[in-house]
C-alpha atoms as a PDB file:
ATOM      1  CA  UNK A   1     198.890 -99.194 201.227  1.00  0.00           C
ATOM      2  CA  UNK A   2     200.963-102.204 200.354  1.00  0.00           C
ATOM      3  CA  UNK A   3     203.769-100.938 202.595  1.00  0.00           C
ATOM      4  CA  UNK A   4     201.338-100.502 205.488  1.00  0.00           C
ATOM      5  CA  UNK A   5     200.042-104.013 204.876  1.00  0.00           C
ATOM      6  CA  UNK A   6     203.595-105.411 204.956  1.00  0.00           C
ATOM      7  CA  UNK A   7     204.467-103.447 208.119  1.00  0.00           C
ATOM      8  CA  UNK A   8     201.328-104.734 209.845  1.00  0.00           C
ATOM      9  CA  UNK A   9     202.246-108.302 209.008  1.00  0.00           C
ATOM     10  CA  UNK A  10     205.785-107.828 210.347  1.00  0.00           C
ATOM     11  CA  UNK A  11     204.452-106.344 213.584  1.00  0.00           C
ATOM     12  CA  UNK A  12     201.916-109.149 213.901  1.00  0.00           C
ATOM     13  CA  UNK A  13     204.620-111.782 213.496  1.00  0.00           C
ATOM     14  CA  UNK A  14     206.810-110.037 216.071  1.00  0.00           C
ATOM     15  CA  UNK A  15     203.970-110.044 218.600  1.00  0.00           C
ATOM     16  CA  UNK A  16     203.210-113.684 217.917  1.00  0.00           C
ATOM     17  CA  UNK A  17     206.837-114.594 218.625  1.00  0.00           C
ATOM     18  CA  UNK A  18     206.711-112.958 222.067  1.00  0.00           C
ATOM     19  CA  UNK A  19     206.253-115.271 225.048  1.00  0.00           C
ATOM     20  CA  UNK A  20     205.028-113.188 227.996  1.00  0.00           C
ATOM     21  CA  UNK A  21     205.056-114.803 231.430  1.00  0.00           C
ATOM     22  CA  UNK A  22     202.526-112.687 233.326  1.00  0.00           C
ATOM     23  CA  UNK A  23     198.765-112.541 232.827  1.00  0.00           C
ATOM     24  CA  UNK A  24     199.066-108.835 232.042  1.00  0.00           C
ATOM     25  CA  UNK A  25     201.659-109.582 229.368  1.00  0.00           C
ATOM     26  CA  UNK A  26     199.494-112.301 227.839  1.00  0.00           C
ATOM     27  CA  UNK A  27     196.484-109.986 227.782  1.00  0.00           C
ATOM     28  CA  UNK A  28     198.596-107.264 226.182  1.00  0.00           C
ATOM     29  CA  UNK A  29     199.828-109.720 223.554  1.00  0.00           C
ATOM     30  CA  UNK A  30     196.284-110.864 222.712  1.00  0.00           C
ATOM     31  CA  UNK A  31     194.981-107.307 222.483  1.00  0.00           C
ATOM     32  CA  UNK A  32     197.892-105.985 220.411  1.00  0.00           C
ATOM     33  CA  UNK A  33     197.773-108.992 218.086  1.00  0.00           C
ATOM     34  CA  UNK A  34     194.061-108.411 217.501  1.00  0.00           C
ATOM     35  CA  UNK A  35     194.722-104.722 216.840  1.00  0.00           C
ATOM     36  CA  UNK A  36     197.328-105.484 214.183  1.00  0.00           C
ATOM     37  CA  UNK A  37     195.038-108.094 212.599  1.00  0.00           C
ATOM     38  CA  UNK A  38     192.254-105.505 212.334  1.00  0.00           C
ATOM     39  CA  UNK A  39     194.699-102.919 210.963  1.00  0.00           C
ATOM     40  CA  UNK A  40     195.975-105.358 208.353  1.00  0.00           C
ATOM     41  CA  UNK A  41     192.421-106.246 207.314  1.00  0.00           C
ATOM     42  CA  UNK A  42     191.524-102.536 207.089  1.00  0.00           C
ATOM     43  CA  UNK A  43     194.538-101.871 204.863  1.00  0.00           C
ATOM     44  CA  UNK A  44     193.450-104.736 202.618  1.00  0.00           C
ATOM     45  CA  UNK A  45     189.928-103.272 202.351  1.00  0.00           C
ATOM     46  CA  UNK A  46     191.343 -99.855 201.460  1.00  0.00           C
ATOM     47  CA  UNK A  47     193.533-101.472 198.811  1.00  0.00           C
ATOM     48  CA  UNK A  48     190.442-103.119 197.337  1.00  0.00           C
ATOM     49  CA  UNK A  49     188.648 -99.754 197.573  1.00  0.00           C
ATOM     50  CA  UNK A  50     191.375 -98.123 195.492  1.00  0.00           C
ATOM     51  CA  UNK A  51     191.198-100.896 192.888  1.00  0.00           C
ATOM     52  CA  UNK A  52     187.418-100.525 192.646  1.00  0.00           C
ATOM     53  CA  UNK A  53     187.820 -96.747 192.311  1.00  0.00           C
ATOM     54  CA  UNK A  54     190.280 -97.222 189.464  1.00  0.00           C
ATOM     55  CA  UNK A  55     187.707 -99.410 187.690  1.00  0.00           C
ATOM     56  CA  UNK A  56     184.839 -97.032 188.440  1.00  0.00           C
ATOM     57  CA  UNK A  57     182.847 -99.589 190.427  1.00  0.00           C
ATOM     58  CA  UNK A  58     180.927 -97.320 192.814  1.00  0.00           C
ATOM     59  CA  UNK A  59     179.049-100.041 194.716  1.00  0.00           C
ATOM     60  CA  UNK A  60     182.217-101.999 195.417  1.00  0.00           C
ATOM     61  CA  UNK A  61     183.927 -98.775 196.514  1.00  0.00           C
ATOM     62  CA  UNK A  62     181.157 -98.129 199.027  1.00  0.00           C
ATOM     63  CA  UNK A  63     181.327-101.667 200.413  1.00  0.00           C
ATOM     64  CA  UNK A  64     185.110-101.718 200.716  1.00  0.00           C
ATOM     65  CA  UNK A  65     185.194 -98.218 202.167  1.00  0.00           C
ATOM     66  CA  UNK A  66     182.635 -99.020 204.860  1.00  0.00           C
ATOM     67  CA  UNK A  67     184.351-102.292 205.728  1.00  0.00           C
ATOM     68  CA  UNK A  68     187.715-100.523 205.913  1.00  0.00           C
ATOM     69  CA  UNK A  69     186.348 -97.815 208.209  1.00  0.00           C
ATOM     70  CA  UNK A  70     184.764-100.385 210.516  1.00  0.00           C
ATOM     71  CA  UNK A  71     187.973-102.394 210.756  1.00  0.00           C
ATOM     72  CA  UNK A  72     190.035 -99.224 211.234  1.00  0.00           C
ATOM     73  CA  UNK A  73     187.796 -98.198 214.151  1.00  0.00           C
ATOM     74  CA  UNK A  74     188.072-101.665 215.713  1.00  0.00           C
ATOM     75  CA  UNK A  75     191.854-101.527 215.390  1.00  0.00           C
ATOM     76  CA  UNK A  76     191.914 -98.112 217.059  1.00  0.00           C
ATOM     77  CA  UNK A  77     189.852 -99.379 219.968  1.00  0.00           C
ATOM     78  CA  UNK A  78     192.115-102.404 220.395  1.00  0.00           C
ATOM     79  CA  UNK A  79     195.246-100.233 220.300  1.00  0.00           C
ATOM     80  CA  UNK A  80     193.723 -97.983 222.942  1.00  0.00           C
ATOM     81  CA  UNK A  81     192.874-101.012 225.082  1.00  0.00           C
ATOM     82  CA  UNK A  82     196.427-102.328 224.697  1.00  0.00           C
ATOM     83  CA  UNK A  83     197.796 -98.947 225.713  1.00  0.00           C
ATOM     84  CA  UNK A  84     195.561 -98.963 228.786  1.00  0.00           C
ATOM     85  CA  UNK A  85     196.778-102.439 229.713  1.00  0.00           C
ATOM     86  CA  UNK A  86     200.368-101.256 229.393  1.00  0.00           C
ATOM     87  CA  UNK A  87     199.797 -98.388 231.794  1.00  0.00           C
ATOM     88  CA  UNK A  88     197.993-100.312 234.538  1.00  0.00           C
ATOM     89  CA  UNK A  89     199.568 -99.620 237.937  1.00  0.00           C
ATOM     90  CA  UNK A  90     199.555-103.261 239.015  1.00  0.00           C
ATOM     91  CA  UNK A  91     201.702-106.075 237.555  1.00  0.00           C
ATOM     92  CA  UNK A  92     198.981-108.593 236.676  1.00  0.00           C
END
């Protein structure tokens, strides 16, 4: 999980450094950046889930697991939206 968290942060920083010129590019940047933020937050929740599991804290495991799933789903939707933006037939 820590490796995924580090990879997400690297990808997020790479997207932030991009300077698109078109409206479509700016929208793609915003959407992809949000997706990587959600993915990074989900990885953090799953890391906390694993720590709670190691300690035997069932209630914390449930909370972290549900939060991680929600964030993972949001990230998936944002990635799908970014993919749809990238395949639009028009340039803007």
